[in-house]
């Protein structure tokens, strides 16, 4: 694949300082073949929520920053809904979009957005795995969580996973099945409870972390 975006991603990687390159980590690195489950039926997508992967197998820290540093890019493996599935999602939610965000954990699963990446139109990339370099990298502190904000819809749910694979969404307790009300952390909405846990699925995104230089 030789698209300008992917070439830009390669260029961005080359700009990472040599002193830090050996310590770069892909938070939530996806296994080969991981992708959103569409176009299988029913085609499931993440809608109007901010989400992060809470657990994959025994690992609960895949999307936590291991040290102070920066997020320099994010990656997503998108399913490929069929034409009728796309029209259905577009009519209900609008064009597919997503942004990477940094959450600072609080008590009782209440997290606060401290940094946001730009909102990205996913329509040109459906059915592909793509990397988005960040023009303005996002600072993180050790322990911050990296999440995905989806104000419309995105085919980023790999379903049929083991029960030990689960993700959390920014929906209030008791409203976990309400996937149409807008719960994504947008604009001035900086704080939300992540009390809805969804098992047997994985959100197919990852983020590239570069630690701060040692003093």
Protein backbone atom coordinates (compact mmCIF):
# COMPACT_ATOMS: atom_id res chain seq x y z
CA UNK A 1 0.00 0.00 0.00
CA UNK A 2 1.51 3.27 -1.12
CA UNK A 3 -1.10 5.83 -0.12
CA UNK A 4 0.15 9.31 0.94
CA UNK A 5 -1.15 8.65 4.46
CA UNK A 6 0.84 5.46 4.88
CA UNK A 7 3.94 7.10 3.45
CA UNK A 8 3.45 9.89 5.99
CA UNK A 9 3.27 7.29 8.72
CA UNK A 10 6.63 5.89 7.67
CA UNK A 11 8.11 9.39 7.62
CA UNK A 12 6.76 10.09 11.10
CA UNK A 13 8.34 6.93 12.43
CA UNK A 14 11.69 7.98 11.04
CA UNK A 15 11.45 11.24 12.96
CA UNK A 16 11.38 9.51 16.36
CA UNK A 17 14.70 10.29 18.11
CA UNK A 18 17.19 7.46 17.93
CA UNK A 19 17.71 7.58 21.70
CA UNK A 20 14.04 6.70 22.24
CA UNK A 21 13.42 4.34 19.29
CA UNK A 22 14.36 1.20 21.22
CA UNK A 23 11.77 2.07 23.87
CA UNK A 24 8.85 2.78 21.57
CA UNK A 25 5.86 0.62 22.54
CA UNK A 26 2.65 -0.18 20.69
CA UNK A 27 -0.03 0.00 23.38
CA UNK A 28 -2.65 -2.61 22.62
CA UNK A 29 -0.74 -4.07 19.68
CA UNK A 30 -3.20 -6.09 17.61
CA UNK A 31 -2.49 -9.69 16.63
CA UNK A 32 -2.22 -10.51 12.94
CA UNK A 33 -5.62 -10.67 11.30
CA UNK A 34 -7.44 -8.69 13.98
CA UNK A 35 -10.16 -6.51 12.47
CA UNK A 36 -13.67 -5.27 13.04
CA UNK A 37 -16.12 -8.10 12.48
CA UNK A 38 -18.20 -6.56 9.68
CA UNK A 39 -19.47 -7.58 7.13
CA UNK A 40 -20.61 -10.62 9.06
CA UNK A 41 -24.24 -10.50 10.12
CA UNK A 42 -25.17 -8.95 12.42
CA UNK A 43 -22.55 -6.28 11.67
CA UNK A 44 -21.64 -4.77 15.05
CA UNK A 45 -19.99 -1.35 15.37
CA UNK A 46 -18.98 0.97 18.18
CA UNK A 47 -21.48 3.86 18.28
CA UNK A 48 -21.62 7.23 20.07
CA UNK A 49 -19.27 6.37 22.91
CA UNK A 50 -15.71 6.59 24.15
CA UNK A 51 -14.23 3.14 24.74
CA UNK A 52 -11.09 1.41 25.92
CA UNK A 53 -10.08 -2.22 26.07
CA UNK A 54 -10.16 -3.24 29.73
CA UNK A 55 -8.71 -6.72 29.42
CA UNK A 56 -7.34 -9.25 26.96
CA UNK A 57 -6.82 -12.59 28.64
CA UNK A 58 -5.05 -11.93 31.95
CA UNK A 59 -3.60 -8.58 30.80
CA UNK A 60 -5.40 -5.51 32.15
CA UNK A 61 -2.72 -2.98 31.25
CA UNK A 62 -2.46 -3.16 27.46
CA UNK A 63 -3.71 0.41 26.99
CA UNK A 64 -2.06 2.03 30.01
CA UNK A 65 0.94 4.30 29.56
CA UNK A 66 3.93 2.48 31.11
CA UNK A 67 5.72 5.77 31.88
CA UNK A 68 5.48 9.49 31.19
CA UNK A 69 5.76 10.12 27.47
CA UNK A 70 3.76 10.91 24.35
CA UNK A 71 1.37 9.23 21.95
CA UNK A 72 2.73 9.89 18.45
CA UNK A 73 0.31 7.87 16.30
CA UNK A 74 -2.67 5.57 16.49
CA UNK A 75 -3.75 2.57 14.49
CA UNK A 76 -7.11 1.02 13.71
CA UNK A 77 -8.18 -2.20 11.97
CA UNK A 78 -11.56 -1.49 10.39
CA UNK A 79 -14.20 -3.96 9.35
CA UNK A 80 -15.72 -3.69 5.90
CA UNK A 81 -19.51 -3.37 6.12
CA UNK A 82 -21.45 -4.14 2.98
CA UNK A 83 -23.29 -1.37 1.08
CA UNK A 84 -26.61 -1.88 2.87
CA UNK A 85 -24.88 -2.10 6.26
CA UNK A 86 -23.01 1.15 5.59
CA UNK A 87 -26.19 2.93 4.54
CA UNK A 88 -27.94 1.72 7.68
CA UNK A 89 -25.18 3.03 9.97
CA UNK A 90 -24.82 6.29 8.02
CA UNK A 91 -28.57 6.95 8.15
CA UNK A 92 -28.68 6.29 11.89
CA UNK A 93 -25.41 7.90 13.04
CA UNK A 94 -23.68 9.84 10.22
CA UNK A 95 -20.32 9.20 8.58
CA UNK A 96 -17.89 6.92 10.46
CA UNK A 97 -15.45 8.93 12.59
CA UNK A 98 -13.04 8.38 15.48
CA UNK A 99 -10.32 10.10 17.50
CA UNK A 100 -7.70 8.87 19.95
CA UNK A 101 -7.93 10.32 23.47
CA UNK A 102 -5.97 10.16 26.72
CA UNK A 103 -7.97 9.33 29.85
CA UNK A 104 -6.80 10.02 33.40
CA UNK A 105 -8.36 7.37 35.67
CA UNK A 106 -10.31 8.43 38.73
CA UNK A 107 -12.26 6.71 41.46
CA UNK A 108 -15.19 4.37 40.77
CA UNK A 109 -14.36 4.12 37.06
CA UNK A 110 -14.84 7.85 36.47
CA UNK A 111 -12.19 8.96 33.98
CA UNK A 112 -11.28 12.39 32.65
CA UNK A 113 -10.15 13.26 29.14
CA UNK A 114 -6.89 15.20 29.39
CA UNK A 115 -5.86 15.21 25.71
CA UNK A 116 -7.61 14.57 22.41
CA UNK A 117 -6.38 13.82 18.94
CA UNK A 118 -8.12 15.23 15.86
CA UNK A 119 -11.36 13.67 14.68
CA UNK A 120 -10.71 11.46 11.65
CA UNK A 121 -13.06 10.48 8.84
CA UNK A 122 -12.86 6.68 8.54
CA UNK A 123 -14.92 6.27 5.38
CA UNK A 124 -11.91 6.04 2.99
CA UNK A 125 -10.30 3.32 5.11
CA UNK A 126 -13.12 0.85 5.73
CA UNK A 127 -11.88 -2.72 5.38
CA UNK A 128 -8.25 -1.73 5.99
CA UNK A 129 -5.72 -1.45 8.79
CA UNK A 130 -4.32 2.08 8.85
CA UNK A 131 -1.95 4.18 10.93
CA UNK A 132 -2.60 7.86 11.65
CA UNK A 133 0.45 9.91 12.73
CA UNK A 134 -0.36 12.84 15.02
CA UNK A 135 0.85 16.27 13.94
CA UNK A 136 0.52 17.32 17.58
CA UNK A 137 1.53 14.44 19.80
CA UNK A 138 -0.42 13.79 23.01
CA UNK A 139 1.42 13.90 26.36
CA UNK A 140 0.64 11.11 28.80
CA UNK A 141 1.48 10.31 32.39
CA UNK A 142 2.29 6.87 33.67
CA UNK A 143 -1.00 5.05 34.26
CA UNK A 144 -3.09 7.09 31.79
CA UNK A 145 -5.39 5.05 29.57
CA UNK A 146 -5.57 5.39 25.81
CA UNK A 147 -9.12 5.26 24.48
CA UNK A 148 -11.06 5.70 21.26
CA UNK A 149 -13.82 8.29 20.92
CA UNK A 150 -16.48 7.55 18.30
CA UNK A 151 -19.17 10.27 17.96
CA UNK A 152 -20.94 8.46 15.09
CA UNK A 153 -20.00 4.85 14.31
CA UNK A 154 -16.93 2.79 13.56
CA UNK A 155 -16.61 -0.92 12.64
CA UNK A 156 -13.96 -1.59 15.29
CA UNK A 157 -15.52 -4.42 17.30
CA UNK A 158 -13.99 -7.86 16.86
CA UNK A 159 -16.72 -10.05 18.33
CA UNK A 160 -16.74 -13.70 19.28
CA UNK A 161 -13.67 -13.36 21.51
CA UNK A 162 -13.14 -15.30 24.75
CA UNK A 163 -14.98 -14.17 27.86
CA UNK A 164 -11.68 -12.87 29.21
CA UNK A 165 -11.64 -10.17 26.51
CA UNK A 166 -13.70 -7.11 27.49
CA UNK A 167 -13.97 -3.35 26.92
CA UNK A 168 -15.53 -0.45 28.78
CA UNK A 169 -17.72 2.30 27.36
CA UNK A 170 -18.65 5.78 28.58
CA UNK A 171 -22.27 4.94 29.28
CA UNK A 172 -24.03 5.18 32.65
CA UNK A 173 -24.81 2.10 34.66
CA UNK A 174 -28.17 0.69 33.64
CA UNK A 175 -27.93 2.20 30.14
CA UNK A 176 -25.34 -0.13 28.67
CA UNK A 177 -27.69 -1.37 25.94
CA UNK A 178 -28.51 2.19 24.78
CA UNK A 179 -26.19 2.55 21.79
CA UNK A 180 -27.99 5.50 20.16
CA UNK A 181 -27.81 8.24 22.82
CA UNK A 182 -24.67 10.36 22.40
CA UNK A 183 -22.20 9.37 25.14
CA UNK A 184 -18.91 10.09 23.37
CA UNK A 185 -16.62 12.49 25.22
CA UNK A 186 -16.79 15.48 22.91
CA UNK A 187 -16.37 19.23 23.24
CA UNK A 188 -16.58 20.27 26.88
CA UNK A 189 -17.58 16.83 28.10
CA UNK A 190 -14.39 15.88 29.87
CA UNK A 191 -15.51 13.42 32.56
CA UNK A 192 -17.58 10.25 32.33
CA UNK A 193 -18.19 7.02 34.17
CA UNK A 194 -17.07 3.84 32.42
CA UNK A 195 -19.28 1.42 34.30
CA UNK A 196 -20.50 -0.52 31.26
CA UNK A 197 -18.37 -3.61 30.63
CA UNK A 198 -18.81 -5.52 27.37
CA UNK A 199 -17.36 -9.03 27.25
CA UNK A 200 -16.32 -11.32 24.36
CA UNK A 201 -15.19 -8.46 22.12
CA UNK A 202 -12.12 -6.39 21.36
CA UNK A 203 -11.89 -2.80 20.15
CA UNK A 204 -9.44 -2.98 17.26
CA UNK A 205 -7.18 0.01 17.85
CA UNK A 206 -3.70 0.64 19.23
CA UNK A 207 -1.46 3.63 19.97
CA UNK A 208 2.26 4.28 19.54
CA UNK A 209 3.94 5.43 22.76
CA UNK A 210 7.33 7.12 23.06
CA UNK A 211 8.70 7.66 26.59
CA UNK A 212 10.09 10.98 27.73
CA UNK A 213 13.90 11.19 27.67
CA UNK A 214 15.56 10.30 30.93
CA UNK A 215 16.81 13.31 32.84
